[in-house]
PDB file of N, CA and C in Angstrom:
ATOM      1  N   MET A   1       0.840  -1.174   0.000  1.00  0.00           N
ATOM      2  CA  MET A   1       0.000   0.000   0.000  1.00  0.00           C
ATOM      3  C   MET A   1       0.891   1.245   0.000  1.00  0.00           C
ATOM      4  N   VAL A   2       0.617   2.171  -0.907  1.00  0.00           N
ATOM      5  CA  VAL A   2       1.393   3.396  -1.020  1.00  0.00           C
ATOM      6  C   VAL A   2       0.575   4.552  -0.451  1.00  0.00           C
ATOM      7  N   LEU A   3       1.163   5.267   0.488  1.00  0.00           N
ATOM      8  CA  LEU A   3       0.500   6.424   1.078  1.00  0.00           C
ATOM      9  C   LEU A   3       0.983   7.697   0.396  1.00  0.00           C
ATOM     10  N   HIS A   4       0.095   8.618   0.165  1.00  0.00           N
ATOM     11  CA  HIS A   4       0.471   9.891  -0.427  1.00  0.00           C
ATOM     12  C   HIS A   4       1.180  10.745   0.618  1.00  0.00           C
ATOM     13  N   LYS A   5       2.285  11.371   0.209  1.00  0.00           N
ATOM     14  CA  LYS A   5       3.034  12.209   1.136  1.00  0.00           C
ATOM     15  C   LYS A   5       2.402  13.578   1.314  1.00  0.00           C
ATOM     16  N   LEU A   6       1.631  14.023   0.319  1.00  0.00           N
ATOM     17  CA  LEU A   6       0.949  15.306   0.429  1.00  0.00           C
ATOM     18  C   LEU A   6      -0.437  15.083   1.026  1.00  0.00           C
ATOM     19  N   PRO A   7      -0.804  15.894   2.023  1.00  0.00           N
ATOM     20  CA  PRO A   7      -2.134  15.732   2.610  1.00  0.00           C
ATOM     21  C   PRO A   7      -3.230  16.128   1.624  1.00  0.00           C
ATOM     22  N   THR A   8      -4.367  15.501   1.741  1.00  0.00           N
ATOM     23  CA  THR A   8      -5.502  15.821   0.892  1.00  0.00           C
ATOM     24  C   THR A   8      -5.993  17.235   1.151  1.00  0.00           C
ATOM     25  N   TYR A   9      -5.990  17.634   2.401  1.00  0.00           N
ATOM     26  CA  TYR A   9      -6.438  18.971   2.805  1.00  0.00           C
ATOM     27  C   TYR A   9      -5.292  19.663   3.540  1.00  0.00           C
ATOM     28  N   PRO A  10      -4.342  20.265   2.812  1.00  0.00           N
ATOM     29  CA  PRO A  10      -3.178  20.879   3.462  1.00  0.00           C
ATOM     30  C   PRO A  10      -3.554  22.105   4.285  1.00  0.00           C
ATOM     31  N   GLN A  11      -2.793  22.344   5.336  1.00  0.00           N
ATOM     32  CA  GLN A  11      -3.037  23.468   6.235  1.00  0.00           C
ATOM     33  C   GLN A  11      -2.935  24.802   5.509  1.00  0.00           C
ATOM     34  N   SER A  12      -2.104  24.883   4.486  1.00  0.00           N
ATOM     35  CA  SER A  12      -1.951  26.140   3.756  1.00  0.00           C
ATOM     36  C   SER A  12      -3.219  26.523   2.996  1.00  0.00           C
ATOM     37  N   ARG A  13      -4.172  25.596   2.904  1.00  0.00           N
ATOM     38  CA  ARG A  13      -5.437  25.862   2.221  1.00  0.00           C
ATOM     39  C   ARG A  13      -6.624  25.765   3.174  1.00  0.00           C
ATOM     40  N   ALA A  14      -6.372  26.062   4.454  1.00  0.00           N
ATOM     41  CA  ALA A  14      -7.438  26.005   5.456  1.00  0.00           C
ATOM     42  C   ALA A  14      -7.953  27.419   5.757  1.00  0.00           C
ATOM     43  N   TYR A  15      -9.263  27.557   5.770  1.00  0.00           N
ATOM     44  CA  TYR A  15      -9.920  28.839   6.003  1.00  0.00           C
ATOM     45  C   TYR A  15     -11.072  28.649   6.984  1.00  0.00           C
ATOM     46  N   VAL A  16     -11.406  29.715   7.690  1.00  0.00           N
ATOM     47  CA  VAL A  16     -12.602  29.748   8.523  1.00  0.00           C
ATOM     48  C   VAL A  16     -13.502  30.832   7.955  1.00  0.00           C
ATOM     49  N   VAL A  17     -14.756  30.481   7.705  1.00  0.00           N
ATOM     50  CA  VAL A  17     -15.736  31.447   7.221  1.00  0.00           C
ATOM     51  C   VAL A  17     -16.767  31.631   8.329  1.00  0.00           C
ATOM     52  N   GLN A  18     -16.918  32.867   8.785  1.00  0.00           N
ATOM     53  CA  GLN A  18     -17.928  33.198   9.788  1.00  0.00           C
ATOM     54  C   GLN A  18     -18.989  34.046   9.128  1.00  0.00           C
ATOM     55  N   LEU A  19     -20.232  33.623   9.272  1.00  0.00           N
ATOM     56  CA  LEU A  19     -21.333  34.398   8.719  1.00  0.00           C
ATOM     57  C   LEU A  19     -21.855  35.368   9.766  1.00  0.00           C
ATOM     58  N   HIS A  20     -22.131  36.570   9.336  1.00  0.00           N
ATOM     59  CA  HIS A  20     -22.668  37.619  10.199  1.00  0.00           C
ATOM     60  C   HIS A  20     -24.063  37.220  10.666  1.00  0.00           C
ATOM     61  N   ARG A  21     -24.470  37.691  11.817  1.00  0.00           N
ATOM     62  CA  ARG A  21     -25.794  37.333  12.347  1.00  0.00           C
ATOM     63  C   ARG A  21     -26.921  37.797  11.441  1.00  0.00           C
ATOM     64  N   ASP A  22     -26.667  38.827  10.614  1.00  0.00           N
ATOM     65  CA  ASP A  22     -27.691  39.341   9.713  1.00  0.00           C
ATOM     66  C   ASP A  22     -27.665  38.693   8.331  1.00  0.00           C
ATOM     67  N   ALA A  23     -26.759  37.722   8.124  1.00  0.00           N
ATOM     68  CA  ALA A  23     -26.707  37.037   6.829  1.00  0.00           C
ATOM     69  C   ALA A  23     -27.991  36.236   6.650  1.00  0.00           C
ATOM     70  N   ALA A  24     -28.624  36.400   5.514  1.00  0.00           N
ATOM     71  CA  ALA A  24     -29.892  35.723   5.238  1.00  0.00           C
ATOM     72  C   ALA A  24     -29.830  35.109   3.850  1.00  0.00           C
ATOM     73  N   SER A  25     -29.627  33.826   3.796  1.00  0.00           N
ATOM     74  CA  SER A  25     -29.470  33.138   2.520  1.00  0.00           C
ATOM     75  C   SER A  25     -30.664  33.297   1.578  1.00  0.00           C
ATOM     76  N   PRO A  26     -31.902  33.111   2.040  1.00  0.00           N
ATOM     77  CA  PRO A  26     -33.028  33.248   1.100  1.00  0.00           C
ATOM     78  C   PRO A  26     -33.114  34.636   0.455  1.00  0.00           C
ATOM     79  N   GLN A  27     -32.678  35.668   1.187  1.00  0.00           N
ATOM     80  CA  GLN A  27     -32.705  37.014   0.629  1.00  0.00           C
ATOM     81  C   GLN A  27     -31.431  37.325  -0.159  1.00  0.00           C
ATOM     82  N   GLY A  28     -30.475  36.413  -0.168  1.00  0.00           N
ATOM     83  CA  GLY A  28     -29.239  36.619  -0.904  1.00  0.00           C
ATOM     84  C   GLY A  28     -28.223  37.475  -0.178  1.00  0.00           C
ATOM     85  N   ALA A  29     -28.439  37.743   1.105  1.00  0.00           N
ATOM     86  CA  ALA A  29     -27.509  38.567   1.875  1.00  0.00           C
ATOM     87  C   ALA A  29     -26.470  37.666   2.537  1.00  0.00           C
ATOM     88  N   LEU A  30     -25.355  37.488   1.880  1.00  0.00           N
ATOM     89  CA  LEU A  30     -24.269  36.664   2.411  1.00  0.00           C
ATOM     90  C   LEU A  30     -23.167  37.607   2.850  1.00  0.00           C
ATOM     91  N   LEU A  31     -23.036  37.815   4.160  1.00  0.00           N
ATOM     92  CA  LEU A  31     -21.986  38.679   4.645  1.00  0.00           C
ATOM     93  C   LEU A  31     -21.338  38.055   5.860  1.00  0.00           C
ATOM     94  N   GLY A  32     -20.069  38.388   6.035  1.00  0.00           N
ATOM     95  CA  GLY A  32     -19.313  37.828   7.143  1.00  0.00           C
ATOM     96  C   GLY A  32     -17.838  38.130   6.982  1.00  0.00           C
ATOM     97  N   ARG A  33     -17.029  37.206   7.498  1.00  0.00           N
ATOM     98  CA  ARG A  33     -15.585  37.366   7.352  1.00  0.00           C
ATOM     99  C   ARG A  33     -14.959  36.003   7.114  1.00  0.00           C
ATOM    100  N   VAL A  34     -13.763  36.040   6.547  1.00  0.00           N
ATOM    101  CA  VAL A  34     -13.016  34.819   6.257  1.00  0.00           C
ATOM    102  C   VAL A  34     -11.599  35.010   6.780  1.00  0.00           C
ATOM    103  N   VAL A  35     -11.042  33.941   7.360  1.00  0.00           N
ATOM    104  CA  VAL A  35      -9.692  33.971   7.923  1.00  0.00           C
ATOM    105  C   VAL A  35      -8.888  32.830   7.308  1.00  0.00           C
ATOM    106  N   HIS A  36      -7.689  33.150   6.825  1.00  0.00           N
ATOM    107  CA  HIS A  36      -6.757  32.129   6.348  1.00  0.00           C
ATOM    108  C   HIS A  36      -6.009  31.618   7.571  1.00  0.00           C
ATOM    109  N   ILE A  37      -6.152  30.344   7.891  1.00  0.00           N
ATOM    110  CA  ILE A  37      -5.616  29.786   9.127  1.00  0.00           C
ATOM    111  C   ILE A  37      -4.097  29.915   9.215  1.00  0.00           C
ATOM    112  N   ALA A  38      -3.374  29.588   8.164  1.00  0.00           N
ATOM    113  CA  ALA A  38      -1.911  29.571   8.217  1.00  0.00           C
ATOM    114  C   ALA A  38      -1.305  30.956   8.423  1.00  0.00           C
ATOM    115  N   SER A  39      -1.878  31.990   7.788  1.00  0.00           N
ATOM    116  CA  SER A  39      -1.290  33.325   7.869  1.00  0.00           C
ATOM    117  C   SER A  39      -2.019  34.251   8.838  1.00  0.00           C
ATOM    118  N   GLY A  40      -3.281  33.939   9.140  1.00  0.00           N
ATOM    119  CA  GLY A  40      -4.077  34.821   9.988  1.00  0.00           C
ATOM    120  C   GLY A  40      -4.680  35.982   9.228  1.00  0.00           C
ATOM    121  N   GLU A  41      -4.429  36.047   7.931  1.00  0.00           N
ATOM    122  CA  GLU A  41      -4.987  37.134   7.116  1.00  0.00           C
ATOM    123  C   GLU A  41      -6.507  37.010   7.091  1.00  0.00           C
ATOM    124  N   THR A  42      -7.177  38.140   7.211  1.00  0.00           N
ATOM    125  CA  THR A  42      -8.629  38.128   7.284  1.00  0.00           C
ATOM    126  C   THR A  42      -9.228  39.248   6.445  1.00  0.00           C
ATOM    127  N   THR A  43     -10.463  39.079   6.037  1.00  0.00           N
ATOM    128  CA  THR A  43     -11.185  40.127   5.345  1.00  0.00           C
ATOM    129  C   THR A  43     -12.673  39.932   5.590  1.00  0.00           C
ATOM    130  N   CYS A  44     -13.403  41.007   5.478  1.00  0.00           N
ATOM    131  CA  CYS A  44     -14.860  40.947   5.560  1.00  0.00           C
ATOM    132  C   CYS A  44     -15.414  40.927   4.137  1.00  0.00           C
ATOM    133  N   PHE A  45     -16.568  40.310   3.966  1.00  0.00           N
ATOM    134  CA  PHE A  45     -17.200  40.267   2.656  1.00  0.00           C
ATOM    135  C   PHE A  45     -18.687  40.553   2.821  1.00  0.00           C
ATOM    136  N   ALA A  46     -19.270  41.101   1.770  1.00  0.00           N
ATOM    137  CA  ALA A  46     -20.690  41.454   1.795  1.00  0.00           C
ATOM    138  C   ALA A  46     -21.487  40.721   0.725  1.00  0.00           C
ATOM    139  N   THR A  47     -20.785  39.940  -0.112  1.00  0.00           N
ATOM    140  CA  THR A  47     -21.459  39.146  -1.142  1.00  0.00           C
ATOM    141  C   THR A  47     -20.714  37.834  -1.312  1.00  0.00           C
ATOM    142  N   GLY A  48     -21.408  36.860  -1.862  1.00  0.00           N
ATOM    143  CA  GLY A  48     -20.763  35.590  -2.167  1.00  0.00           C
ATOM    144  C   GLY A  48     -19.655  35.758  -3.184  1.00  0.00           C
ATOM    145  N   GLU A  49     -19.858  36.673  -4.137  1.00  0.00           N
ATOM    146  CA  GLU A  49     -18.834  36.925  -5.154  1.00  0.00           C
ATOM    147  C   GLU A  49     -17.555  37.482  -4.524  1.00  0.00           C
ATOM    148  N   ALA A  50     -17.709  38.368  -3.549  1.00  0.00           N
ATOM    149  CA  ALA A  50     -16.538  38.937  -2.869  1.00  0.00           C
ATOM    150  C   ALA A  50     -15.787  37.857  -2.092  1.00  0.00           C
ATOM    151  N   LEU A  51     -16.522  36.958  -1.449  1.00  0.00           N
ATOM    152  CA  LEU A  51     -15.889  35.848  -0.726  1.00  0.00           C
ATOM    153  C   LEU A  51     -15.112  34.963  -1.687  1.00  0.00           C
ATOM    154  N   LEU A  52     -15.728  34.570  -2.784  1.00  0.00           N
ATOM    155  CA  LEU A  52     -15.056  33.711  -3.755  1.00  0.00           C
ATOM    156  C   LEU A  52     -13.855  34.391  -4.397  1.00  0.00           C
ATOM    157  N   ALA A  53     -13.963  35.685  -4.670  1.00  0.00           N
ATOM    158  CA  ALA A  53     -12.836  36.422  -5.253  1.00  0.00           C
ATOM    159  C   ALA A  53     -11.662  36.454  -4.288  1.00  0.00           C
ATOM    160  N   TRP A  54     -11.934  36.691  -3.010  1.00  0.00           N
ATOM    161  CA  TRP A  54     -10.848  36.728  -2.013  1.00  0.00           C
ATOM    162  C   TRP A  54     -10.204  35.358  -1.896  1.00  0.00           C
ATOM    163  N   LEU A  55     -11.011  34.306  -1.829  1.00  0.00           N
ATOM    164  CA  LEU A  55     -10.454  32.958  -1.736  1.00  0.00           C
ATOM    165  C   LEU A  55      -9.609  32.631  -2.959  1.00  0.00           C
ATOM    166  N   ALA A  56     -10.094  32.951  -4.142  1.00  0.00           N
ATOM    167  CA  ALA A  56      -9.350  32.663  -5.368  1.00  0.00           C
ATOM    168  C   ALA A  56      -8.014  33.395  -5.398  1.00  0.00           C
ATOM    169  N   ALA A  57      -7.972  34.600  -4.858  1.00  0.00           N
ATOM    170  CA  ALA A  57      -6.733  35.379  -4.848  1.00  0.00           C
ATOM    171  C   ALA A  57      -5.749  34.908  -3.780  1.00  0.00           C
ATOM    172  N   HIS A  58      -6.224  34.162  -2.784  1.00  0.00           N
ATOM    173  CA  HIS A  58      -5.360  33.782  -1.664  1.00  0.00           C
ATOM    174  C   HIS A  58      -5.029  32.302  -1.583  1.00  0.00           C
ATOM    175  N   VAL A  59      -5.559  31.492  -2.481  1.00  0.00           N
ATOM    176  CA  VAL A  59      -5.203  30.077  -2.479  1.00  0.00           C
ATOM    177  C   VAL A  59      -3.766  29.954  -2.966  1.00  0.00           C
ATOM    178  N   PRO A  60      -2.904  29.309  -2.183  1.00  0.00           N
ATOM    179  CA  PRO A  60      -1.513  29.146  -2.621  1.00  0.00           C
ATOM    180  C   PRO A  60      -1.441  28.387  -3.950  1.00  0.00           C
ATOM    181  N   ALA A  61      -0.525  28.822  -4.801  1.00  0.00           N
ATOM    182  CA  ALA A  61      -0.385  28.203  -6.126  1.00  0.00           C
ATOM    183  C   ALA A  61       0.123  26.761  -6.006  1.00  0.00           C
ATOM    184  N   GLN A  62       1.001  26.504  -5.069  1.00  0.00           N
ATOM    185  CA  GLN A  62       1.583  25.181  -4.895  1.00  0.00           C
ATOM    186  C   GLN A  62       1.131  24.593  -3.563  1.00  0.00           C
ATOM    187  N   PRO A  63       0.803  23.309  -3.545  1.00  0.00           N
ATOM    188  CA  PRO A  63       0.481  22.667  -2.275  1.00  0.00           C
ATOM    189  C   PRO A  63       1.718  22.556  -1.399  1.00  0.00           C
ATOM    190  N   GLU A  64       1.496  22.273  -0.133  1.00  0.00           N
ATOM    191  CA  GLU A  64       2.610  22.128   0.797  1.00  0.00           C
ATOM    192  C   GLU A  64       3.545  21.026   0.324  1.00  0.00           C
ATOM    193  N   SER A  65       4.834  21.189   0.632  1.00  0.00           N
ATOM    194  CA  SER A  65       5.821  20.156   0.316  1.00  0.00           C
ATOM    195  C   SER A  65       5.679  19.030   1.323  1.00  0.00           C
ATOM    196  N   PRO A  66       5.898  17.793   0.885  1.00  0.00           N
ATOM    197  CA  PRO A  66       5.824  16.692   1.851  1.00  0.00           C
ATOM    198  C   PRO A  66       6.946  16.773   2.856  1.00  0.00           C
ATOM    199  N   THR A  67       6.674  16.368   4.065  1.00  0.00           N
ATOM    200  CA  THR A  67       7.722  16.342   5.087  1.00  0.00           C
ATOM    201  C   THR A  67       8.455  15.023   4.996  1.00  0.00           C
ATOM    202  N   PRO A  68       9.784  15.083   5.057  1.00  0.00           N
ATOM    203  CA  PRO A  68      10.565  13.834   4.906  1.00  0.00           C
ATOM    204  C   PRO A  68      10.390  12.880   6.052  1.00  0.00           C
TER     205      PRO A  68
END
């Protein structure tokens, strides 16, 4: 059996999304904040498009290197 050295869900691609108490999905009001776990970088968003744009801009291009 061969195990993959790279994790399926690397820490460099871990995020926390917190939805604001006033976020209302049926009305299309998606607002909150997102935090990149590895760097601590955070931003607030007021639309789903803004959240996706921030995530797309902050996903590391290369996955983590395997540890020897």
